[in-house]
């Protein structure tokens, strides 16, 4: 029992250390906060059955296309990013990507056309992938080796919880106000989150290339004369 308690205490201490590091590293905190609230508020995919049946009036095949659209967008963007040069202004790119996520969510919520809705879902998946790439890369390059596992655990908890809570939030608001208002208000909330993050965390807005900040090597000493 004592061994189990020590193991549990050690695990909690490590998680606490990861949370403390994230809290004090403002760029990582900004990326996690931005992604958390964007996913929490922009939960259009959770309401796809309602949109397919009551708003777009499509059958099973087209509903399947809608359900796969964001994944198609994400895979396409991943292939594009893999072949593009490294981002020169990664923080700005993440803010713009999440803002685009919010705009596409609003358009999807207002659309009554299947093809427009499908296209918006593809774009949602694409721009969300940009945000994911920047966030995961920053977590890796800004975290010391001895803290990387703990910070990654905090990152996974944040994102996993926001996905599930986002589905709950979307469902509750849809039951209260209807699916269209739920999605549109969620997109507006995402845009407000981007504005607040850019204002409160200028470090993210000004962050440059996605690369580790390593010190320049010391100049080599001149060889002594033979």
C-alpha atoms as a PDB file:
ATOM      1  CA  UNK A   1       0.000   0.000   0.000  1.00  0.00           C
ATOM      2  CA  UNK A   2       2.793   2.415   0.912  1.00  0.00           C
ATOM      3  CA  UNK A   3       4.452   1.714  -2.434  1.00  0.00           C
ATOM      4  CA  UNK A   4       1.172   2.434  -4.264  1.00  0.00           C
ATOM      5  CA  UNK A   5       0.723   5.687  -2.349  1.00  0.00           C
ATOM      6  CA  UNK A   6       4.268   6.759  -3.155  1.00  0.00           C
ATOM      7  CA  UNK A   7       3.703   5.997  -6.839  1.00  0.00           C
ATOM      8  CA  UNK A   8       0.453   7.995  -6.850  1.00  0.00           C
ATOM      9  CA  UNK A   9       2.119  10.920  -5.058  1.00  0.00           C
ATOM     10  CA  UNK A  10       4.995  10.853  -7.546  1.00  0.00           C
ATOM     11  CA  UNK A  11       2.591  10.884 -10.498  1.00  0.00           C
ATOM     12  CA  UNK A  12       0.655  13.818  -9.037  1.00  0.00           C
ATOM     13  CA  UNK A  13       3.891  15.682  -8.344  1.00  0.00           C
ATOM     14  CA  UNK A  14       5.051  15.201 -11.924  1.00  0.00           C
ATOM     15  CA  UNK A  15       1.696  16.378 -13.301  1.00  0.00           C
ATOM     16  CA  UNK A  16       1.823  19.391 -10.977  1.00  0.00           C
ATOM     17  CA  UNK A  17       5.322  20.201 -12.226  1.00  0.00           C
ATOM     18  CA  UNK A  18       4.058  20.039 -15.821  1.00  0.00           C
ATOM     19  CA  UNK A  19       1.154  22.390 -15.036  1.00  0.00           C
ATOM     20  CA  UNK A  20       3.515  24.794 -13.270  1.00  0.00           C
ATOM     21  CA  UNK A  21       5.862  24.842 -16.272  1.00  0.00           C
ATOM     22  CA  UNK A  22       2.982  25.477 -18.701  1.00  0.00           C
ATOM     23  CA  UNK A  23       1.633  28.279 -16.492  1.00  0.00           C
ATOM     24  CA  UNK A  24       5.003  30.018 -16.432  1.00  0.00           C
ATOM     25  CA  UNK A  25       5.775  29.524 -20.135  1.00  0.00           C
ATOM     26  CA  UNK A  26       3.365  32.032 -21.618  1.00  0.00           C
ATOM     27  CA  UNK A  27       3.669  30.976 -25.255  1.00  0.00           C
ATOM     28  CA  UNK A  28       2.755  27.368 -24.442  1.00  0.00           C
ATOM     29  CA  UNK A  29      -0.038  28.560 -22.149  1.00  0.00           C
ATOM     30  CA  UNK A  30      -1.358  30.781 -24.957  1.00  0.00           C
ATOM     31  CA  UNK A  31      -1.378  27.964 -27.518  1.00  0.00           C
ATOM     32  CA  UNK A  32      -3.122  25.552 -25.159  1.00  0.00           C
ATOM     33  CA  UNK A  33      -5.689  28.162 -24.126  1.00  0.00           C
ATOM     34  CA  UNK A  34      -6.386  29.165 -27.718  1.00  0.00           C
ATOM     35  CA  UNK A  35      -6.800  25.589 -28.911  1.00  0.00           C
ATOM     36  CA  UNK A  36      -8.858  24.593 -25.867  1.00  0.00           C
ATOM     37  CA  UNK A  37     -11.463  27.321 -26.296  1.00  0.00           C
ATOM     38  CA  UNK A  38     -11.536  27.002 -30.084  1.00  0.00           C
ATOM     39  CA  UNK A  39     -12.372  23.293 -29.805  1.00  0.00           C
ATOM     40  CA  UNK A  40     -14.717  23.916 -26.874  1.00  0.00           C
ATOM     41  CA  UNK A  41     -16.747  26.539 -28.743  1.00  0.00           C
ATOM     42  CA  UNK A  42     -16.421  25.407 -32.358  1.00  0.00           C
ATOM     43  CA  UNK A  43     -18.161  22.048 -32.071  1.00  0.00           C
ATOM     44  CA  UNK A  44     -19.978  21.944 -35.415  1.00  0.00           C
ATOM     45  CA  UNK A  45     -19.014  18.315 -36.085  1.00  0.00           C
ATOM     46  CA  UNK A  46     -20.910  17.147 -33.001  1.00  0.00           C
ATOM     47  CA  UNK A  47     -24.160  18.466 -34.469  1.00  0.00           C
ATOM     48  CA  UNK A  48     -23.733  16.997 -37.958  1.00  0.00           C
ATOM     49  CA  UNK A  49     -26.651  14.509 -37.620  1.00  0.00           C
ATOM     50  CA  UNK A  50     -29.003  17.409 -36.856  1.00  0.00           C
ATOM     51  CA  UNK A  51     -27.698  19.501 -39.741  1.00  0.00           C
ATOM     52  CA  UNK A  52     -27.823  16.575 -42.185  1.00  0.00           C
ATOM     53  CA  UNK A  53     -31.389  15.655 -41.307  1.00  0.00           C
ATOM     54  CA  UNK A  54     -33.133  18.929 -40.416  1.00  0.00           C
ATOM     55  CA  UNK A  55     -31.215  21.656 -42.282  1.00  0.00           C
ATOM     56  CA  UNK A  56     -29.410  20.164 -45.281  1.00  0.00           C
ATOM     57  CA  UNK A  57     -31.949  17.328 -45.776  1.00  0.00           C
ATOM     58  CA  UNK A  58     -29.444  14.768 -47.039  1.00  0.00           C
ATOM     59  CA  UNK A  59     -29.322  10.994 -46.832  1.00  0.00           C
ATOM     60  CA  UNK A  60     -26.795   8.574 -45.418  1.00  0.00           C
ATOM     61  CA  UNK A  61     -24.195   8.867 -48.174  1.00  0.00           C
ATOM     62  CA  UNK A  62     -23.996  12.656 -48.054  1.00  0.00           C
ATOM     63  CA  UNK A  63     -23.995  12.573 -44.266  1.00  0.00           C
ATOM     64  CA  UNK A  64     -20.968  10.280 -44.489  1.00  0.00           C
ATOM     65  CA  UNK A  65     -19.292  12.817 -46.783  1.00  0.00           C
ATOM     66  CA  UNK A  66     -19.970  15.573 -44.254  1.00  0.00           C
ATOM     67  CA  UNK A  67     -18.597  13.412 -41.454  1.00  0.00           C
ATOM     68  CA  UNK A  68     -15.373  12.722 -43.365  1.00  0.00           C
ATOM     69  CA  UNK A  69     -14.880  16.258 -44.685  1.00  0.00           C
ATOM     70  CA  UNK A  70     -12.855  17.704 -41.797  1.00  0.00           C
ATOM     71  CA  UNK A  71     -10.531  14.671 -41.800  1.00  0.00           C
ATOM     72  CA  UNK A  72      -9.995  15.098 -45.547  1.00  0.00           C
ATOM     73  CA  UNK A  73      -9.132  18.748 -44.997  1.00  0.00           C
ATOM     74  CA  UNK A  74      -6.727  17.892 -42.188  1.00  0.00           C
ATOM     75  CA  UNK A  75      -4.886  15.230 -44.226  1.00  0.00           C
ATOM     76  CA  UNK A  76      -4.656  17.538 -47.233  1.00  0.00           C
ATOM     77  CA  UNK A  77      -3.234  20.359 -45.135  1.00  0.00           C
ATOM     78  CA  UNK A  78      -0.745  17.976 -43.497  1.00  0.00           C
ATOM     79  CA  UNK A  79       0.591  17.029 -46.938  1.00  0.00           C
ATOM     80  CA  UNK A  80       0.786  20.700 -47.953  1.00  0.00           C
ATOM     81  CA  UNK A  81       2.640  21.697 -44.762  1.00  0.00           C
ATOM     82  CA  UNK A  82       5.071  18.811 -45.208  1.00  0.00           C
ATOM     83  CA  UNK A  83       6.168  20.232 -48.567  1.00  0.00           C
ATOM     84  CA  UNK A  84       6.133  23.939 -47.715  1.00  0.00           C
ATOM     85  CA  UNK A  85       9.113  25.792 -46.202  1.00  0.00           C
ATOM     86  CA  UNK A  86       9.024  26.177 -42.397  1.00  0.00           C
ATOM     87  CA  UNK A  87       6.681  28.873 -41.118  1.00  0.00           C
ATOM     88  CA  UNK A  88       8.445  32.189 -40.610  1.00  0.00           C
ATOM     89  CA  UNK A  89       5.777  33.624 -38.270  1.00  0.00           C
ATOM     90  CA  UNK A  90       4.293  30.615 -36.551  1.00  0.00           C
ATOM     91  CA  UNK A  91       2.426  32.505 -33.834  1.00  0.00           C
ATOM     92  CA  UNK A  92       0.659  34.735 -36.334  1.00  0.00           C
ATOM     93  CA  UNK A  93      -0.123  31.695 -38.490  1.00  0.00           C
ATOM     94  CA  UNK A  94      -1.777  29.942 -35.546  1.00  0.00           C
ATOM     95  CA  UNK A  95      -3.905  32.967 -34.663  1.00  0.00           C
ATOM     96  CA  UNK A  96      -5.022  33.366 -38.276  1.00  0.00           C
ATOM     97  CA  UNK A  97      -5.754  29.638 -38.554  1.00  0.00           C
ATOM     98  CA  UNK A  98      -7.975  29.649 -35.466  1.00  0.00           C
ATOM     99  CA  UNK A  99      -9.698  32.827 -36.686  1.00  0.00           C
ATOM    100  CA  UNK A 100     -10.356  31.086 -40.021  1.00  0.00           C
ATOM    101  CA  UNK A 101     -11.702  28.117 -38.038  1.00  0.00           C
ATOM    102  CA  UNK A 102     -14.206  30.462 -36.392  1.00  0.00           C
ATOM    103  CA  UNK A 103     -15.248  32.088 -39.683  1.00  0.00           C
ATOM    104  CA  UNK A 104     -15.742  28.724 -41.396  1.00  0.00           C
ATOM    105  CA  UNK A 105     -17.779  27.523 -38.417  1.00  0.00           C
ATOM    106  CA  UNK A 106     -20.079  30.545 -38.701  1.00  0.00           C
ATOM    107  CA  UNK A 107     -20.549  30.045 -42.453  1.00  0.00           C
ATOM    108  CA  UNK A 108     -21.286  26.355 -41.912  1.00  0.00           C
ATOM    109  CA  UNK A 109     -23.883  27.214 -39.286  1.00  0.00           C
ATOM    110  CA  UNK A 110     -25.661  29.650 -41.622  1.00  0.00           C
ATOM    111  CA  UNK A 111     -25.479  27.467 -44.748  1.00  0.00           C
ATOM    112  CA  UNK A 112     -28.460  25.637 -46.225  1.00  0.00           C
ATOM    113  CA  UNK A 113     -26.458  24.315 -49.180  1.00  0.00           C
ATOM    114  CA  UNK A 114     -24.839  20.889 -48.975  1.00  0.00           C
ATOM    115  CA  UNK A 115     -21.802  21.753 -51.110  1.00  0.00           C
ATOM    116  CA  UNK A 116     -21.054  24.968 -49.229  1.00  0.00           C
ATOM    117  CA  UNK A 117     -21.385  23.137 -45.904  1.00  0.00           C
ATOM    118  CA  UNK A 118     -19.114  20.357 -47.156  1.00  0.00           C
ATOM    119  CA  UNK A 119     -16.503  22.864 -48.302  1.00  0.00           C
ATOM    120  CA  UNK A 120     -16.606  24.681 -44.965  1.00  0.00           C
ATOM    121  CA  UNK A 121     -16.015  21.422 -43.105  1.00  0.00           C
ATOM    122  CA  UNK A 122     -13.020  20.661 -45.331  1.00  0.00           C
ATOM    123  CA  UNK A 123     -11.618  24.115 -44.539  1.00  0.00           C
ATOM    124  CA  UNK A 124     -12.318  23.628 -40.825  1.00  0.00           C
ATOM    125  CA  UNK A 125     -10.211  20.459 -40.862  1.00  0.00           C
ATOM    126  CA  UNK A 126      -7.455  22.147 -42.868  1.00  0.00           C
ATOM    127  CA  UNK A 127      -7.033  25.245 -40.712  1.00  0.00           C
ATOM    128  CA  UNK A 128      -7.397  23.209 -37.519  1.00  0.00           C
ATOM    129  CA  UNK A 129      -4.440  21.115 -38.661  1.00  0.00           C
ATOM    130  CA  UNK A 130      -2.314  24.265 -38.941  1.00  0.00           C
ATOM    131  CA  UNK A 131      -3.165  25.090 -35.335  1.00  0.00           C
ATOM    132  CA  UNK A 132      -2.376  21.543 -34.201  1.00  0.00           C
ATOM    133  CA  UNK A 133       1.012  21.531 -35.963  1.00  0.00           C
ATOM    134  CA  UNK A 134       2.049  24.855 -34.414  1.00  0.00           C
ATOM    135  CA  UNK A 135       0.863  23.859 -30.945  1.00  0.00           C
ATOM    136  CA  UNK A 136       2.524  20.440 -30.907  1.00  0.00           C
ATOM    137  CA  UNK A 137       5.767  21.823 -32.331  1.00  0.00           C
ATOM    138  CA  UNK A 138       5.956  24.666 -29.827  1.00  0.00           C
ATOM    139  CA  UNK A 139       5.331  22.257 -26.955  1.00  0.00           C
ATOM    140  CA  UNK A 140       8.244  20.137 -28.169  1.00  0.00           C
ATOM    141  CA  UNK A 141      10.791  22.842 -28.980  1.00  0.00           C
ATOM    142  CA  UNK A 142      10.129  25.078 -25.967  1.00  0.00           C
ATOM    143  CA  UNK A 143      10.105  22.338 -23.333  1.00  0.00           C
ATOM    144  CA  UNK A 144      13.353  21.058 -21.784  1.00  0.00           C
ATOM    145  CA  UNK A 145      14.051  17.363 -22.224  1.00  0.00           C
ATOM    146  CA  UNK A 146      13.403  16.500 -18.586  1.00  0.00           C
ATOM    147  CA  UNK A 147       9.959  18.200 -18.671  1.00  0.00           C
ATOM    148  CA  UNK A 148       8.748  17.101 -22.095  1.00  0.00           C
ATOM    149  CA  UNK A 149       6.756  14.066 -20.970  1.00  0.00           C
ATOM    150  CA  UNK A 150       4.976  15.994 -18.228  1.00  0.00           C
ATOM    151  CA  UNK A 151       4.120  18.925 -20.458  1.00  0.00           C
ATOM    152  CA  UNK A 152       2.896  16.570 -23.191  1.00  0.00           C
ATOM    153  CA  UNK A 153       0.645  14.925 -20.590  1.00  0.00           C
ATOM    154  CA  UNK A 154      -0.822  18.311 -19.629  1.00  0.00           C
ATOM    155  CA  UNK A 155      -1.295  19.100 -23.318  1.00  0.00           C
ATOM    156  CA  UNK A 156      -3.154  15.822 -23.896  1.00  0.00           C
ATOM    157  CA  UNK A 157      -5.380  16.404 -20.860  1.00  0.00           C
ATOM    158  CA  UNK A 158      -6.257  19.918 -22.033  1.00  0.00           C
ATOM    159  CA  UNK A 159      -7.106  18.874 -25.581  1.00  0.00           C
ATOM    160  CA  UNK A 160      -8.840  15.614 -24.710  1.00  0.00           C
ATOM    161  CA  UNK A 161     -11.034  17.323 -22.126  1.00  0.00           C
ATOM    162  CA  UNK A 162     -11.879  20.210 -24.456  1.00  0.00           C
ATOM    163  CA  UNK A 163     -13.010  17.791 -27.193  1.00  0.00           C
ATOM    164  CA  UNK A 164     -15.477  16.046 -24.899  1.00  0.00           C
ATOM    165  CA  UNK A 165     -16.638  19.212 -23.155  1.00  0.00           C
ATOM    166  CA  UNK A 166     -17.031  20.866 -26.559  1.00  0.00           C
ATOM    167  CA  UNK A 167     -19.481  18.164 -27.583  1.00  0.00           C
ATOM    168  CA  UNK A 168     -21.419  18.660 -24.355  1.00  0.00           C
ATOM    169  CA  UNK A 169     -21.465  22.443 -24.798  1.00  0.00           C
ATOM    170  CA  UNK A 170     -22.657  22.201 -28.399  1.00  0.00           C
ATOM    171  CA  UNK A 171     -25.420  19.788 -27.467  1.00  0.00           C
ATOM    172  CA  UNK A 172     -26.645  21.856 -24.529  1.00  0.00           C
ATOM    173  CA  UNK A 173     -26.722  25.102 -26.505  1.00  0.00           C
ATOM    174  CA  UNK A 174     -28.401  23.337 -29.444  1.00  0.00           C
ATOM    175  CA  UNK A 175     -31.100  22.004 -27.123  1.00  0.00           C
ATOM    176  CA  UNK A 176     -31.616  25.503 -25.732  1.00  0.00           C
ATOM    177  CA  UNK A 177     -31.263  27.736 -28.811  1.00  0.00           C
ATOM    178  CA  UNK A 178     -31.230  25.325 -31.758  1.00  0.00           C
ATOM    179  CA  UNK A 179     -28.319  23.891 -33.762  1.00  0.00           C
ATOM    180  CA  UNK A 180     -27.805  26.918 -36.022  1.00  0.00           C
ATOM    181  CA  UNK A 181     -27.390  29.382 -33.165  1.00  0.00           C
ATOM    182  CA  UNK A 182     -25.230  26.901 -31.286  1.00  0.00           C
ATOM    183  CA  UNK A 183     -22.758  26.678 -34.173  1.00  0.00           C
ATOM    184  CA  UNK A 184     -22.840  30.379 -35.094  1.00  0.00           C
ATOM    185  CA  UNK A 185     -22.389  31.565 -31.516  1.00  0.00           C
ATOM    186  CA  UNK A 186     -19.585  29.047 -31.109  1.00  0.00           C
ATOM    187  CA  UNK A 187     -17.807  30.495 -34.142  1.00  0.00           C
ATOM    188  CA  UNK A 188     -18.232  34.023 -32.783  1.00  0.00           C
ATOM    189  CA  UNK A 189     -16.848  32.847 -29.439  1.00  0.00           C
ATOM    190  CA  UNK A 190     -13.836  31.398 -31.257  1.00  0.00           C
ATOM    191  CA  UNK A 191     -13.134  34.759 -32.929  1.00  0.00           C
ATOM    192  CA  UNK A 192     -13.391  36.522 -29.564  1.00  0.00           C
ATOM    193  CA  UNK A 193     -10.974  33.964 -28.106  1.00  0.00           C
ATOM    194  CA  UNK A 194      -8.459  34.731 -30.866  1.00  0.00           C
ATOM    195  CA  UNK A 195      -8.773  38.460 -30.166  1.00  0.00           C
ATOM    196  CA  UNK A 196      -8.330  37.962 -26.416  1.00  0.00           C
ATOM    197  CA  UNK A 197      -5.345  35.635 -26.867  1.00  0.00           C
ATOM    198  CA  UNK A 198      -3.610  38.005 -29.290  1.00  0.00           C
ATOM    199  CA  UNK A 199      -4.126  40.846 -26.801  1.00  0.00           C
ATOM    200  CA  UNK A 200      -3.170  39.028 -23.600  1.00  0.00           C
ATOM    201  CA  UNK A 201      -0.263  37.025 -25.045  1.00  0.00           C
ATOM    202  CA  UNK A 202       1.748  39.245 -27.411  1.00  0.00           C
ATOM    203  CA  UNK A 203       4.555  36.644 -27.183  1.00  0.00           C
ATOM    204  CA  UNK A 204       2.483  34.312 -29.342  1.00  0.00           C
ATOM    205  CA  UNK A 205       1.568  37.020 -31.835  1.00  0.00           C
ATOM    206  CA  UNK A 206       5.240  37.910 -32.300  1.00  0.00           C
ATOM    207  CA  UNK A 207       6.652  34.377 -32.294  1.00  0.00           C
ATOM    208  CA  UNK A 208       8.797  33.632 -35.336  1.00  0.00           C
ATOM    209  CA  UNK A 209      10.018  30.403 -36.946  1.00  0.00           C
ATOM    210  CA  UNK A 210       9.182  26.974 -35.546  1.00  0.00           C
ATOM    211  CA  UNK A 211      12.644  25.987 -34.389  1.00  0.00           C
ATOM    212  CA  UNK A 212      14.415  25.340 -31.094  1.00  0.00           C
ATOM    213  CA  UNK A 213      16.121  28.292 -29.470  1.00  0.00           C
ATOM    214  CA  UNK A 214      19.635  26.906 -29.128  1.00  0.00           C
ATOM    215  CA  UNK A 215      22.597  29.116 -28.224  1.00  0.00           C
ATOM    216  CA  UNK A 216      25.144  29.804 -30.938  1.00  0.00           C
ATOM    217  CA  UNK A 217      28.253  27.645 -30.635  1.00  0.00           C
ATOM    218  CA  UNK A 218      31.301  29.256 -29.085  1.00  0.00           C
ATOM    219  CA  UNK A 219      33.987  30.283 -31.588  1.00  0.00           C
ATOM    220  CA  UNK A 220      36.771  27.774 -31.934  1.00  0.00           C
ATOM    221  CA  UNK A 221      40.016  28.687 -30.266  1.00  0.00           C
ATOM    222  CA  UNK A 222      42.850  29.526 -32.587  1.00  0.00           C
ATOM    223  CA  UNK A 223      45.261  26.685 -33.051  1.00  0.00           C
ATOM    224  CA  UNK A 224      48.531  27.180 -31.252  1.00  0.00           C
ATOM    225  CA  UNK A 225      51.555  27.583 -33.513  1.00  0.00           C
ATOM    226  CA  UNK A 226      53.512  24.384 -34.026  1.00  0.00           C
END
